[in-house]
């Protein structure tokens, strides 16, 4: 009887993990093609435009985690490092250096961009470019990790633009400022 209750609890935890991950991916897919705007508070404008870090922040709000708004603060205060031997999981954040990056002692090379892993070797993030006359354009895109790494390397002018990969949540907790905190229930979830 105790073993059965434990199996049910484990299955429920696995199902909840799947629900969290599918909620993130579903939200992100709904944002495909939306325009880029650097420094935008996406929530304040009804998620009509995003930059890379606001896209991540809004995706995590869907599962009840209020992650930082900027990529440097996301990298500094949230998650644990995903080691090279670990496979990526949905929701992992890939942080890149860049000219627009912000710096702190933990990341002296700067953090200028973030992408979110959505499974099957793909990430979602924003891309930006300048058109004639200096008008900045861009949008939310989905692409393979390899293509994202190539794109970022071209922008940075080097091949090693990936600074760190972080896992924000696993099991029934998330990482914030080096501590494990219990994951909140998914907003709007009905049991």
Protein backbone atom coordinates (compact mmCIF):
# COMPACT_ATOMS: atom_id res chain seq x y z
CA UNK A 1 0.00 0.00 0.00
CA UNK A 2 2.80 2.46 0.88
CA UNK A 3 4.65 1.47 -2.32
CA UNK A 4 1.52 2.19 -4.39
CA UNK A 5 1.13 5.63 -2.79
CA UNK A 6 4.81 6.34 -3.51
CA UNK A 7 4.39 5.30 -7.17
CA UNK A 8 1.36 7.59 -7.50
CA UNK A 9 3.28 10.48 -5.92
CA UNK A 10 6.26 9.88 -8.25
CA UNK A 11 4.00 9.71 -11.27
CA UNK A 12 2.27 12.90 -10.21
CA UNK A 13 5.64 14.66 -9.85
CA UNK A 14 6.68 13.44 -13.32
CA UNK A 15 3.35 14.55 -14.77
CA UNK A 16 3.69 17.96 -13.11
CA UNK A 17 7.23 18.31 -14.50
CA UNK A 18 5.90 17.46 -17.96
CA UNK A 19 3.08 19.98 -17.54
CA UNK A 20 5.54 22.73 -16.54
CA UNK A 21 7.75 22.03 -19.53
CA UNK A 22 4.87 21.79 -21.99
CA UNK A 23 3.43 25.06 -20.59
CA UNK A 24 6.73 26.83 -21.29
CA UNK A 25 7.01 25.40 -24.81
CA UNK A 26 3.38 26.16 -25.63
CA UNK A 27 3.76 29.78 -24.52
CA UNK A 28 6.96 30.16 -26.53
CA UNK A 29 5.42 28.71 -29.69
CA UNK A 30 2.57 31.20 -29.36
CA UNK A 31 5.17 34.01 -29.51
CA UNK A 32 6.88 32.88 -32.75
CA UNK A 33 7.34 35.76 -35.17
CA UNK A 34 6.45 38.48 -32.66
CA UNK A 35 8.67 41.53 -33.11
CA UNK A 36 11.86 42.26 -31.20
CA UNK A 37 12.28 45.37 -29.09
CA UNK A 38 15.37 45.83 -26.95
CA UNK A 39 14.69 46.47 -23.26
CA UNK A 40 10.93 46.04 -23.53
CA UNK A 41 8.74 45.19 -20.53
CA UNK A 42 6.67 42.65 -22.46
CA UNK A 43 4.06 42.21 -19.74
CA UNK A 44 3.37 45.94 -19.71
CA UNK A 45 2.49 45.89 -23.42
CA UNK A 46 0.53 42.63 -23.46
CA UNK A 47 3.35 40.45 -24.80
CA UNK A 48 3.22 42.14 -28.20
CA UNK A 49 7.04 42.49 -28.46
CA UNK A 50 10.00 40.85 -26.77
CA UNK A 51 13.71 40.99 -26.30
CA UNK A 52 15.55 37.78 -25.38
CA UNK A 53 15.32 38.12 -21.62
CA UNK A 54 11.72 39.33 -21.51
CA UNK A 55 10.74 36.27 -23.57
CA UNK A 56 12.39 34.02 -20.95
CA UNK A 57 10.88 35.97 -18.07
CA UNK A 58 7.36 35.74 -19.49
CA UNK A 59 7.73 32.01 -20.24
CA UNK A 60 8.73 31.32 -16.63
CA UNK A 61 5.84 33.38 -15.28
CA UNK A 62 3.55 30.80 -16.92
CA UNK A 63 4.79 28.20 -14.42
CA UNK A 64 4.79 30.54 -11.43
CA UNK A 65 8.48 31.48 -11.33
CA UNK A 66 9.19 35.20 -11.28
CA UNK A 67 12.62 35.12 -12.89
CA UNK A 68 14.66 38.30 -13.34
CA UNK A 69 13.91 40.55 -16.32
CA UNK A 70 17.48 40.95 -17.66
CA UNK A 71 19.76 38.21 -18.98
CA UNK A 72 22.66 39.16 -16.68
CA UNK A 73 20.40 38.85 -13.62
CA UNK A 74 18.87 35.62 -14.92
CA UNK A 75 22.37 34.14 -15.25
CA UNK A 76 23.58 35.56 -11.93
CA UNK A 77 20.70 34.79 -9.59
CA UNK A 78 18.81 31.84 -11.09
CA UNK A 79 19.55 28.24 -11.87
CA UNK A 80 22.39 25.84 -11.42
CA UNK A 81 25.13 25.25 -13.96
CA UNK A 82 24.38 22.47 -16.45
CA UNK A 83 27.64 20.52 -16.76
CA UNK A 84 29.00 19.61 -20.20
CA UNK A 85 28.17 15.91 -19.74
CA UNK A 86 24.52 16.58 -18.88
CA UNK A 87 21.88 16.54 -21.61
CA UNK A 88 19.84 19.71 -21.92
CA UNK A 89 16.29 19.70 -20.58
CA UNK A 90 13.34 21.83 -21.65
CA UNK A 91 13.60 25.19 -19.91
CA UNK A 92 17.41 25.26 -19.68
CA UNK A 93 18.83 28.70 -20.45
CA UNK A 94 21.81 29.23 -22.75
CA UNK A 95 23.60 32.49 -22.01
CA UNK A 96 25.84 34.21 -24.55
CA UNK A 97 28.28 37.11 -24.37
CA UNK A 98 27.73 40.11 -26.59
CA UNK A 99 28.35 43.78 -27.23
CA UNK A 100 25.07 44.70 -25.56
CA UNK A 101 25.92 42.59 -22.50
CA UNK A 102 26.08 43.62 -18.94
CA UNK A 103 28.97 42.73 -16.67
CA UNK A 104 29.49 41.71 -13.08
CA UNK A 105 32.28 39.91 -11.19
CA UNK A 106 30.65 36.51 -11.80
CA UNK A 107 30.50 37.13 -15.57
CA UNK A 108 33.35 39.52 -16.44
CA UNK A 109 32.95 38.58 -20.13
CA UNK A 110 29.37 39.85 -19.96
CA UNK A 111 26.01 38.32 -20.71
CA UNK A 112 24.40 39.80 -23.79
CA UNK A 113 21.84 37.23 -24.89
CA UNK A 114 19.77 34.29 -23.63
CA UNK A 115 17.99 31.45 -25.45
CA UNK A 116 15.68 28.85 -23.93
CA UNK A 117 15.94 25.15 -24.76
CA UNK A 118 12.64 23.65 -25.97
CA UNK A 119 13.67 20.05 -26.64
CA UNK A 120 14.73 18.06 -29.72
CA UNK A 121 17.95 20.07 -30.08
CA UNK A 122 16.13 23.40 -30.52
CA UNK A 123 16.04 26.75 -28.76
CA UNK A 124 13.78 29.75 -28.94
CA UNK A 125 15.04 33.30 -28.60
CA UNK A 126 14.90 36.66 -30.30
CA UNK A 127 17.06 37.79 -33.13
CA UNK A 128 17.78 41.36 -34.17
CA UNK A 129 19.42 43.14 -37.04
CA UNK A 130 19.73 46.67 -38.35
CA UNK A 131 18.13 47.69 -41.62
CA UNK A 132 19.11 50.67 -43.74
CA UNK A 133 18.84 53.89 -41.82
CA UNK A 134 19.76 52.17 -38.54
CA UNK A 135 16.27 50.79 -37.87
CA UNK A 136 16.45 47.78 -35.58
CA UNK A 137 14.33 44.79 -36.62
CA UNK A 138 13.96 41.27 -35.30
CA UNK A 139 11.58 38.64 -34.07
CA UNK A 140 11.05 35.59 -31.87
CA UNK A 141 12.50 32.56 -33.64
CA UNK A 142 12.99 28.82 -33.17
CA UNK A 143 16.17 27.19 -34.44
CA UNK A 144 18.58 24.37 -33.75
CA UNK A 145 21.20 24.87 -31.07
CA UNK A 146 23.87 24.55 -33.78
CA UNK A 147 22.30 27.37 -35.82
CA UNK A 148 21.94 29.54 -32.71
CA UNK A 149 25.60 28.97 -31.81
CA UNK A 150 26.64 29.84 -35.38
CA UNK A 151 24.49 32.98 -35.41
CA UNK A 152 25.86 34.14 -32.07
CA UNK A 153 29.47 33.37 -33.08
CA UNK A 154 29.06 35.47 -36.22
CA UNK A 155 27.66 38.36 -34.18
CA UNK A 156 30.38 38.11 -31.55
CA UNK A 157 33.18 37.60 -34.06
CA UNK A 158 34.42 34.48 -32.30
CA UNK A 159 33.50 30.82 -32.04
CA UNK A 160 33.12 30.62 -28.26
CA UNK A 161 30.21 32.94 -27.50
CA UNK A 162 28.32 30.54 -25.19
CA UNK A 163 29.15 31.61 -21.63
CA UNK A 164 27.07 29.26 -19.47
CA UNK A 165 24.00 27.01 -19.47
CA UNK A 166 21.72 27.03 -16.43
CA UNK A 167 18.87 24.80 -15.29
CA UNK A 168 16.22 26.84 -13.50
CA UNK A 169 14.05 24.02 -12.13
CA UNK A 170 14.03 20.28 -11.64
CA UNK A 171 11.92 17.97 -9.58
CA UNK A 172 9.75 20.02 -7.28
CA UNK A 173 12.12 22.96 -6.74
CA UNK A 174 13.84 25.80 -8.57
CA UNK A 175 17.18 27.49 -7.98
CA UNK A 176 17.34 31.09 -6.83
CA UNK A 177 20.43 32.77 -5.40
CA UNK A 178 22.12 29.42 -4.81
CA UNK A 179 19.21 27.93 -2.87
CA UNK A 180 16.60 25.35 -3.75
CA UNK A 181 13.12 26.76 -3.37
CA UNK A 182 9.83 24.88 -3.70
CA UNK A 183 8.17 25.29 -7.06
CA UNK A 184 4.85 27.08 -6.88
CA UNK A 185 1.79 25.45 -8.36
CA UNK A 186 1.23 26.30 -12.00
CA UNK A 187 -1.04 29.37 -12.16
CA UNK A 188 -4.54 28.48 -13.30
CA UNK A 189 -3.96 24.72 -12.98
CA UNK A 190 -7.07 22.70 -12.13
CA UNK A 191 -6.65 19.30 -10.54
